[in-house]
Amino acid sequence: YLTAELIIWYFRALAAGDSESVAPEAALLRQAARKAP
């Protein structure tokens, strides 16, 4: 569910005061795929 993974990544970045970084989409896909049932 890439949309959710990206939103959570940007949510964490904003909480840390980072409004400029771009989410590492490929890394998020790999990480989420490892967690998927």
ModelCIF file with pLDDT and N, C-alpha, C, O atoms, coordinates in Angstrom:
data_MODEL
#
_entry.id   MODEL 
#
_entity.id                         1 
_entity.type                       polymer 
_entity.pdbx_number_of_molecules   1 
#
_entity_poly.entity_id                      1 
_entity_poly.type                           'polypeptide(L)' 
_entity_poly.nstd_linkage                   no 
_entity_poly.nstd_monomer                   no 
_entity_poly.pdbx_seq_one_letter_code       YLTAELIIWYFRALAAGDSESVAPEAALLRQAARKAP 
_entity_poly.pdbx_seq_one_letter_code_can   YLTAELIIWYFRALAAGDSESVAPEAALLRQAARKAP 
_entity_poly.pdbx_strand_id                 A 
#
loop_
_entity_poly_seq.entity_id 
_entity_poly_seq.num 
_entity_poly_seq.mon_id 
_entity_poly_seq.hetero 
1 1  TYR n 
1 2  LEU n 
1 3  THR n 
1 4  ALA n 
1 5  GLU n 
1 6  LEU n 
1 7  ILE n 
1 8  ILE n 
1 9  TRP n 
1 10 TYR n 
1 11 PHE n 
1 12 ARG n 
1 13 ALA n 
1 14 LEU n 
1 15 ALA n 
1 16 ALA n 
1 17 GLY n 
1 18 ASP n 
1 19 SER n 
1 20 GLU n 
1 21 SER n 
1 22 VAL n 
1 23 ALA n 
1 24 PRO n 
1 25 GLU n 
1 26 ALA n 
1 27 ALA n 
1 28 LEU n 
1 29 LEU n 
1 30 ARG n 
1 31 GLN n 
1 32 ALA n 
1 33 ALA n 
1 34 ARG n 
1 35 LYS n 
1 36 ALA n 
1 37 PRO n 
#
_struct_asym.id          A 
_struct_asym.entity_id   1 
#
loop_
_ma_qa_metric.id 
_ma_qa_metric.mode 
_ma_qa_metric.name 
_ma_qa_metric.software_group_id 
_ma_qa_metric.type 
1 global pLDDT . pLDDT 
2 local  pLDDT . pLDDT 
#
_ma_qa_metric_global.metric_id      1 
_ma_qa_metric_global.metric_value   91.05 
_ma_qa_metric_global.model_id       1 
_ma_qa_metric_global.ordinal_id     1 
#
loop_
_ma_qa_metric_local.label_asym_id 
_ma_qa_metric_local.label_comp_id 
_ma_qa_metric_local.label_seq_id 
_ma_qa_metric_local.metric_id 
_ma_qa_metric_local.metric_value 
_ma_qa_metric_local.model_id 
_ma_qa_metric_local.ordinal_id 
A TYR 1  2 95.00 1 1  
A LEU 2  2 95.00 1 2  
A THR 3  2 96.00 1 3  
A ALA 4  2 96.00 1 4  
A GLU 5  2 95.00 1 5  
A LEU 6  2 96.00 1 6  
A ILE 7  2 97.00 1 7  
A ILE 8  2 97.00 1 8  
A TRP 9  2 96.00 1 9  
A TYR 10 2 97.00 1 10 
A PHE 11 2 97.00 1 11 
A ARG 12 2 97.00 1 12 
A ALA 13 2 97.00 1 13 
A LEU 14 2 96.00 1 14 
A ALA 15 2 95.00 1 15 
A ALA 16 2 96.00 1 16 
A GLY 17 2 96.00 1 17 
A ASP 18 2 95.00 1 18 
A SER 19 2 93.00 1 19 
A GLU 20 2 94.00 1 20 
A SER 21 2 94.00 1 21 
A VAL 22 2 94.00 1 22 
A ALA 23 2 93.00 1 23 
A PRO 24 2 93.00 1 24 
A GLU 25 2 91.00 1 25 
A ALA 26 2 90.00 1 26 
A ALA 27 2 90.00 1 27 
A LEU 28 2 89.00 1 28 
A LEU 29 2 89.00 1 29 
A ARG 30 2 88.00 1 30 
A GLN 31 2 88.00 1 31 
A ALA 32 2 83.00 1 32 
A ALA 33 2 82.00 1 33 
A ARG 34 2 84.00 1 34 
A LYS 35 2 79.00 1 35 
A ALA 36 2 65.00 1 36 
A PRO 37 2 61.00 1 37 
#
loop_
_atom_site.group_PDB 
_atom_site.id 
_atom_site.type_symbol 
_atom_site.label_atom_id 
_atom_site.label_alt_id 
_atom_site.label_comp_id 
_atom_site.label_asym_id 
_atom_site.label_entity_id 
_atom_site.label_seq_id 
_atom_site.pdbx_PDB_ins_code 
_atom_site.Cartn_x 
_atom_site.Cartn_y 
_atom_site.Cartn_z 
_atom_site.occupancy 
_atom_site.B_iso_or_equiv 
_atom_site.pdbx_formal_charge 
_atom_site.auth_seq_id 
_atom_site.auth_comp_id 
_atom_site.auth_asym_id 
_atom_site.auth_atom_id 
_atom_site.pdbx_PDB_model_num 
ATOM 1   N N  . TYR A 1 1  ? 0.887  -1.173  0.000  1.00 95.00 ? 1  TYR A N  1 
ATOM 2   C CA . TYR A 1 1  ? 0.000  0.000   0.000  1.00 95.00 ? 1  TYR A CA 1 
ATOM 3   C C  . TYR A 1 1  ? 0.922  1.219   0.000  1.00 95.00 ? 1  TYR A C  1 
ATOM 4   O O  . TYR A 1 1  ? 1.134  1.850   1.036  1.00 95.00 ? 1  TYR A O  1 
ATOM 5   N N  . LEU A 1 2  ? 1.463  1.540   -1.167 1.00 95.00 ? 2  LEU A N  1 
ATOM 6   C CA . LEU A 1 2  ? 2.489  2.579   -1.289 1.00 95.00 ? 2  LEU A CA 1 
ATOM 7   C C  . LEU A 1 2  ? 1.999  3.941   -0.832 1.00 95.00 ? 2  LEU A C  1 
ATOM 8   O O  . LEU A 1 2  ? 2.749  4.691   -0.207 1.00 95.00 ? 2  LEU A O  1 
ATOM 9   N N  . THR A 1 3  ? 0.763  4.269   -1.133 1.00 96.00 ? 3  THR A N  1 
ATOM 10  C CA . THR A 1 3  ? 0.232  5.570   -0.712 1.00 96.00 ? 3  THR A CA 1 
ATOM 11  C C  . THR A 1 3  ? 0.377  5.736   0.803  1.00 96.00 ? 3  THR A C  1 
ATOM 12  O O  . THR A 1 3  ? 0.828  6.781   1.271  1.00 96.00 ? 3  THR A O  1 
ATOM 13  N N  . ALA A 1 4  ? 0.002  4.725   1.558  1.00 96.00 ? 4  ALA A N  1 
ATOM 14  C CA . ALA A 1 4  ? 0.103  4.792   3.020  1.00 96.00 ? 4  ALA A CA 1 
ATOM 15  C C  . ALA A 1 4  ? 1.556  4.899   3.460  1.00 96.00 ? 4  ALA A C  1 
ATOM 16  O O  . ALA A 1 4  ? 1.876  5.683   4.353  1.00 96.00 ? 4  ALA A O  1 
ATOM 17  N N  . GLU A 1 5  ? 2.436  4.121   2.843  1.00 95.00 ? 5  GLU A N  1 
ATOM 18  C CA . GLU A 1 5  ? 3.851  4.160   3.224  1.00 95.00 ? 5  GLU A CA 1 
ATOM 19  C C  . GLU A 1 5  ? 4.450  5.532   2.971  1.00 95.00 ? 5  GLU A C  1 
ATOM 20  O O  . GLU A 1 5  ? 5.226  6.027   3.789  1.00 95.00 ? 5  GLU A O  1 
ATOM 21  N N  . LEU A 1 6  ? 4.102  6.156   1.849  1.00 96.00 ? 6  LEU A N  1 
ATOM 22  C CA . LEU A 1 6  ? 4.616  7.494   1.544  1.00 96.00 ? 6  LEU A CA 1 
ATOM 23  C C  . LEU A 1 6  ? 4.072  8.528   2.522  1.00 96.00 ? 6  LEU A C  1 
ATOM 24  O O  . LEU A 1 6  ? 4.816  9.383   3.004  1.00 96.00 ? 6  LEU A O  1 
ATOM 25  N N  . ILE A 1 7  ? 2.784  8.453   2.814  1.00 97.00 ? 7  ILE A N  1 
ATOM 26  C CA . ILE A 1 7  ? 2.190  9.422   3.746  1.00 97.00 ? 7  ILE A CA 1 
ATOM 27  C C  . ILE A 1 7  ? 2.840  9.310   5.117  1.00 97.00 ? 7  ILE A C  1 
ATOM 28  O O  . ILE A 1 7  ? 3.172  10.326  5.728  1.00 97.00 ? 7  ILE A O  1 
ATOM 29  N N  . ILE A 1 8  ? 3.025  8.093   5.605  1.00 97.00 ? 8  ILE A N  1 
ATOM 30  C CA . ILE A 1 8  ? 3.664  7.908   6.910  1.00 97.00 ? 8  ILE A CA 1 
ATOM 31  C C  . ILE A 1 8  ? 5.090  8.432   6.871  1.00 97.00 ? 8  ILE A C  1 
ATOM 32  O O  . ILE A 1 8  ? 5.536  9.069   7.825  1.00 97.00 ? 8  ILE A O  1 
ATOM 33  N N  . TRP A 1 9  ? 5.813  8.180   5.789  1.00 96.00 ? 9  TRP A N  1 
ATOM 34  C CA . TRP A 1 9  ? 7.192  8.669   5.690  1.00 96.00 ? 9  TRP A CA 1 
ATOM 35  C C  . TRP A 1 9  ? 7.211  10.202  5.757  1.00 96.00 ? 9  TRP A C  1 
ATOM 36  O O  . TRP A 1 9  ? 7.998  10.783  6.505  1.00 96.00 ? 9  TRP A O  1 
ATOM 37  N N  . TYR A 1 10 ? 6.341  10.856  4.972  1.00 97.00 ? 10 TYR A N  1 
ATOM 38  C CA . TYR A 1 10 ? 6.298  12.323  4.994  1.00 97.00 ? 10 TYR A CA 1 
ATOM 39  C C  . TYR A 1 10 ? 5.790  12.845  6.331  1.00 97.00 ? 10 TYR A C  1 
ATOM 40  O O  . TYR A 1 10 ? 6.230  13.900  6.789  1.00 97.00 ? 10 TYR A O  1 
ATOM 41  N N  . PHE A 1 11 ? 4.877  12.128  6.958  1.00 97.00 ? 11 PHE A N  1 
ATOM 42  C CA . PHE A 1 11 ? 4.396  12.517  8.279  1.00 97.00 ? 11 PHE A CA 1 
ATOM 43  C C  . PHE A 1 11 ? 5.559  12.552  9.274  1.00 97.00 ? 11 PHE A C  1 
ATOM 44  O O  . PHE A 1 11 ? 5.702  13.511  10.033 1.00 97.00 ? 11 PHE A O  1 
ATOM 45  N N  . ARG A 1 12 ? 6.380  11.513  9.268  1.00 97.00 ? 12 ARG A N  1 
ATOM 46  C CA . ARG A 1 12 ? 7.538  11.462  10.164 1.00 97.00 ? 12 ARG A CA 1 
ATOM 47  C C  . ARG A 1 12 ? 8.538  12.570  9.835  1.00 97.00 ? 12 ARG A C  1 
ATOM 48  O O  . ARG A 1 12 ? 9.103  13.190  10.736 1.00 97.00 ? 12 ARG A O  1 
ATOM 49  N N  . ALA A 1 13 ? 8.752  12.811  8.559  1.00 97.00 ? 13 ALA A N  1 
ATOM 50  C CA . ALA A 1 13 ? 9.691  13.865  8.161  1.00 97.00 ? 13 ALA A CA 1 
ATOM 51  C C  . ALA A 1 13 ? 9.196  15.223  8.650  1.00 97.00 ? 13 ALA A C  1 
ATOM 52  O O  . ALA A 1 13 ? 9.972  16.007  9.195  1.00 97.00 ? 13 ALA A O  1 
ATOM 53  N N  . LEU A 1 14 ? 7.920  15.502  8.459  1.00 96.00 ? 14 LEU A N  1 
ATOM 54  C CA . LEU A 1 14 ? 7.371  16.777  8.920  1.00 96.00 ? 14 LEU A CA 1 
ATOM 55  C C  . LEU A 1 14 ? 7.465  16.902  10.434 1.00 96.00 ? 14 LEU A C  1 
ATOM 56  O O  . LEU A 1 14 ? 7.771  17.976  10.953 1.00 96.00 ? 14 LEU A O  1 
ATOM 57  N N  . ALA A 1 15 ? 7.203  15.814  11.140 1.00 95.00 ? 15 ALA A N  1 
ATOM 58  C CA . ALA A 1 15 ? 7.296  15.834  12.609 1.00 95.00 ? 15 ALA A CA 1 
ATOM 59  C C  . ALA A 1 15 ? 8.714  16.149  13.061 1.00 95.00 ? 15 ALA A C  1 
ATOM 60  O O  . ALA A 1 15 ? 8.913  16.733  14.126 1.00 95.00 ? 15 ALA A O  1 
ATOM 61  N N  . ALA A 1 16 ? 9.696  15.767  12.260 1.00 96.00 ? 16 ALA A N  1 
ATOM 62  C CA . ALA A 1 16 ? 11.105 16.024  12.577 1.00 96.00 ? 16 ALA A CA 1 
ATOM 63  C C  . ALA A 1 16 ? 11.565 17.392  12.056 1.00 96.00 ? 16 ALA A C  1 
ATOM 64  O O  . ALA A 1 16 ? 12.732 17.756  12.201 1.00 96.00 ? 16 ALA A O  1 
ATOM 65  N N  . GLY A 1 17 ? 10.640 18.144  11.450 1.00 96.00 ? 17 GLY A N  1 
ATOM 66  C CA . GLY A 1 17 ? 10.980 19.469  10.958 1.00 96.00 ? 17 GLY A CA 1 
ATOM 67  C C  . GLY A 1 17 ? 11.543 19.481  9.545  1.00 96.00 ? 17 GLY A C  1 
ATOM 68  O O  . GLY A 1 17 ? 12.073 20.499  9.101  1.00 96.00 ? 17 GLY A O  1 
ATOM 69  N N  . ASP A 1 18 ? 11.438 18.380  8.845  1.00 95.00 ? 18 ASP A N  1 
ATOM 70  C CA . ASP A 1 18 ? 11.978 18.267  7.490  1.00 95.00 ? 18 ASP A CA 1 
ATOM 71  C C  . ASP A 1 18 ? 10.838 18.352  6.479  1.00 95.00 ? 18 ASP A C  1 
ATOM 72  O O  . ASP A 1 18 ? 10.042 17.422  6.345  1.00 95.00 ? 18 ASP A O  1 
ATOM 73  N N  . SER A 1 19 ? 10.772 19.465  5.777  1.00 93.00 ? 19 SER A N  1 
ATOM 74  C CA . SER A 1 19 ? 9.726  19.622  4.767  1.00 93.00 ? 19 SER A CA 1 
ATOM 75  C C  . SER A 1 19 ? 10.294 19.579  3.353  1.00 93.00 ? 19 SER A C  1 
ATOM 76  O O  . SER A 1 19 ? 9.578  19.841  2.387  1.00 93.00 ? 19 SER A O  1 
ATOM 77  N N  . GLU A 1 20 ? 11.560 19.256  3.231  1.00 94.00 ? 20 GLU A N  1 
ATOM 78  C CA . GLU A 1 20 ? 12.213 19.298  1.926  1.00 94.00 ? 20 GLU A CA 1 
ATOM 79  C C  . GLU A 1 20 ? 12.582 17.932  1.359  1.00 94.00 ? 20 GLU A C  1 
ATOM 80  O O  . GLU A 1 20 ? 12.608 17.765  0.140  1.00 94.00 ? 20 GLU A O  1 
ATOM 81  N N  . SER A 1 21 ? 12.862 16.969  2.198  1.00 94.00 ? 21 SER A N  1 
ATOM 82  C CA . SER A 1 21 ? 13.333 15.668  1.718  1.00 94.00 ? 21 SER A CA 1 
ATOM 83  C C  . SER A 1 21 ? 12.260 14.954  0.897  1.00 94.00 ? 21 SER A C  1 
ATOM 84  O O  . SER A 1 21 ? 11.064 15.199  1.050  1.00 94.00 ? 21 SER A O  1 
ATOM 85  N N  . VAL A 1 22 ? 12.725 14.070  0.027  1.00 94.00 ? 22 VAL A N  1 
ATOM 86  C CA . VAL A 1 22 ? 11.823 13.271  -0.802 1.00 94.00 ? 22 VAL A CA 1 
ATOM 87  C C  . VAL A 1 22 ? 11.925 11.826  -0.339 1.00 94.00 ? 22 VAL A C  1 
ATOM 88  O O  . VAL A 1 22 ? 13.020 11.290  -0.168 1.00 94.00 ? 22 VAL A O  1 
ATOM 89  N N  . ALA A 1 23 ? 10.777 11.209  -0.140 1.00 93.00 ? 23 ALA A N  1 
ATOM 90  C CA . ALA A 1 23 ? 10.732 9.828   0.352  1.00 93.00 ? 23 ALA A CA 1 
ATOM 91  C C  . ALA A 1 23 ? 11.459 8.894   -0.611 1.00 93.00 ? 23 ALA A C  1 
ATOM 92  O O  . ALA A 1 23 ? 11.315 9.020   -1.827 1.00 93.00 ? 23 ALA A O  1 
ATOM 93  N N  . PRO A 1 24 ? 12.234 7.967   -0.076 1.00 93.00 ? 24 PRO A N  1 
ATOM 94  C CA . PRO A 1 24 ? 12.933 6.982   -0.901 1.00 93.00 ? 24 PRO A CA 1 
ATOM 95  C C  . PRO A 1 24 ? 11.975 5.857   -1.300 1.00 93.00 ? 24 PRO A C  1 
ATOM 96  O O  . PRO A 1 24 ? 11.905 4.818   -0.643 1.00 93.00 ? 24 PRO A O  1 
ATOM 97  N N  . GLU A 1 25 ? 11.249 6.086   -2.381 1.00 91.00 ? 25 GLU A N  1 
ATOM 98  C CA . GLU A 1 25 ? 10.169 5.183   -2.781 1.00 91.00 ? 25 GLU A CA 1 
ATOM 99  C C  . GLU A 1 25 ? 10.628 3.730   -2.921 1.00 91.00 ? 25 GLU A C  1 
ATOM 100 O O  . GLU A 1 25 ? 9.955  2.827   -2.423 1.00 91.00 ? 25 GLU A O  1 
ATOM 101 N N  . ALA A 1 26 ? 11.748 3.490   -3.581 1.00 90.00 ? 26 ALA A N  1 
ATOM 102 C CA . ALA A 1 26 ? 12.219 2.109   -3.794 1.00 90.00 ? 26 ALA A CA 1 
ATOM 103 C C  . ALA A 1 26 ? 12.509 1.427   -2.458 1.00 90.00 ? 26 ALA A C  1 
ATOM 104 O O  . ALA A 1 26 ? 12.178 0.255   -2.275 1.00 90.00 ? 26 ALA A O  1 
ATOM 105 N N  . ALA A 1 27 ? 13.118 2.145   -1.537 1.00 90.00 ? 27 ALA A N  1 
ATOM 106 C CA . ALA A 1 27 ? 13.428 1.571   -0.230 1.00 90.00 ? 27 ALA A CA 1 
ATOM 107 C C  . ALA A 1 27 ? 12.146 1.284   0.552  1.00 90.00 ? 27 ALA A C  1 
ATOM 108 O O  . ALA A 1 27 ? 12.051 0.264   1.235  1.00 90.00 ? 27 ALA A O  1 
ATOM 109 N N  . LEU A 1 28 ? 11.174 2.169   0.455  1.00 89.00 ? 28 LEU A N  1 
ATOM 110 C CA . LEU A 1 28 ? 9.897  1.937   1.137  1.00 89.00 ? 28 LEU A CA 1 
ATOM 111 C C  . LEU A 1 28 ? 9.205  0.701   0.583  1.00 89.00 ? 28 LEU A C  1 
ATOM 112 O O  . LEU A 1 28 ? 8.634  -0.085  1.339  1.00 89.00 ? 28 LEU A O  1 
ATOM 113 N N  . LEU A 1 29 ? 9.253  0.526   -0.725 1.00 89.00 ? 29 LEU A N  1 
ATOM 114 C CA . LEU A 1 29 ? 8.641  -0.657  -1.339 1.00 89.00 ? 29 LEU A CA 1 
ATOM 115 C C  . LEU A 1 29 ? 9.312  -1.931  -0.850 1.00 89.00 ? 29 LEU A C  1 
ATOM 116 O O  . LEU A 1 29 ? 8.635  -2.902  -0.511 1.00 89.00 ? 29 LEU A O  1 
ATOM 117 N N  . ARG A 1 30 ? 10.651 -1.934  -0.813 1.00 88.00 ? 30 ARG A N  1 
ATOM 118 C CA . ARG A 1 30 ? 11.369 -3.123  -0.337 1.00 88.00 ? 30 ARG A CA 1 
ATOM 119 C C  . ARG A 1 30 ? 11.051 -3.405  1.120  1.00 88.00 ? 30 ARG A C  1 
ATOM 120 O O  . ARG A 1 30 ? 10.774 -4.546  1.490  1.00 88.00 ? 30 ARG A O  1 
ATOM 121 N N  . GLN A 1 31 ? 11.089 -2.382  1.936  1.00 88.00 ? 31 GLN A N  1 
ATOM 122 C CA . GLN A 1 31 ? 10.848 -2.546  3.373  1.00 88.00 ? 31 GLN A CA 1 
ATOM 123 C C  . GLN A 1 31 ? 9.421  -3.024  3.635  1.00 88.00 ? 31 GLN A C  1 
ATOM 124 O O  . GLN A 1 31 ? 9.217  -3.938  4.434  1.00 88.00 ? 31 GLN A O  1 
ATOM 125 N N  . ALA A 1 32 ? 8.439  -2.424  2.979  1.00 83.00 ? 32 ALA A N  1 
ATOM 126 C CA . ALA A 1 32 ? 7.046  -2.820  3.196  1.00 83.00 ? 32 ALA A CA 1 
ATOM 127 C C  . ALA A 1 32 ? 6.785  -4.222  2.650  1.00 83.00 ? 32 ALA A C  1 
ATOM 128 O O  . ALA A 1 32 ? 5.992  -4.967  3.227  1.00 83.00 ? 32 ALA A O  1 
ATOM 129 N N  . ALA A 1 33 ? 7.425  -4.586  1.570  1.00 82.00 ? 33 ALA A N  1 
ATOM 130 C CA . ALA A 1 33 ? 7.231  -5.920  1.001  1.00 82.00 ? 33 ALA A CA 1 
ATOM 131 C C  . ALA A 1 33 ? 7.752  -6.986  1.957  1.00 82.00 ? 33 ALA A C  1 
ATOM 132 O O  . ALA A 1 33 ? 7.183  -8.074  2.041  1.00 82.00 ? 33 ALA A O  1 
ATOM 133 N N  . ARG A 1 34 ? 8.825  -6.685  2.675  1.00 84.00 ? 34 ARG A N  1 
ATOM 134 C CA . ARG A 1 34 ? 9.365  -7.651  3.655  1.00 84.00 ? 34 ARG A CA 1 
ATOM 135 C C  . ARG A 1 34 ? 8.404  -7.835  4.816  1.00 84.00 ? 34 ARG A C  1 
ATOM 136 O O  . ARG A 1 34 ? 8.329  -8.925  5.383  1.00 84.00 ? 34 ARG A O  1 
ATOM 137 N N  . LYS A 1 35 ? 7.662  -6.784  5.186  1.00 79.00 ? 35 LYS A N  1 
ATOM 138 C CA . LYS A 1 35 ? 6.730  -6.847  6.309  1.00 79.00 ? 35 LYS A CA 1 
ATOM 139 C C  . LYS A 1 35 ? 5.384  -7.465  5.932  1.00 79.00 ? 35 LYS A C  1 
ATOM 140 O O  . LYS A 1 35 ? 4.654  -7.954  6.795  1.00 79.00 ? 35 LYS A O  1 
ATOM 141 N N  . ALA A 1 36 ? 5.060  -7.439  4.628  1.00 65.00 ? 36 ALA A N  1 
ATOM 142 C CA . ALA A 1 36 ? 3.735  -7.911  4.179  1.00 65.00 ? 36 ALA A CA 1 
ATOM 143 C C  . ALA A 1 36 ? 3.567  -9.405  4.486  1.00 65.00 ? 36 ALA A C  1 
ATOM 144 O O  . ALA A 1 36 ? 4.518  -10.184 4.418  1.00 65.00 ? 36 ALA A O  1 
ATOM 145 N N  . PRO A 1 37 ? 2.308  -9.783  4.831  1.00 61.00 ? 37 PRO A N  1 
ATOM 146 C CA . PRO A 1 37 ? 2.039  -11.195 5.149  1.00 61.00 ? 37 PRO A CA 1 
ATOM 147 C C  . PRO A 1 37 ? 2.175  -12.089 3.936  1.00 61.00 ? 37 PRO A C  1 
ATOM 148 O O  . PRO A 1 37 ? 1.981  -13.301 4.038  1.00 61.00 ? 37 PRO A O  1 
#
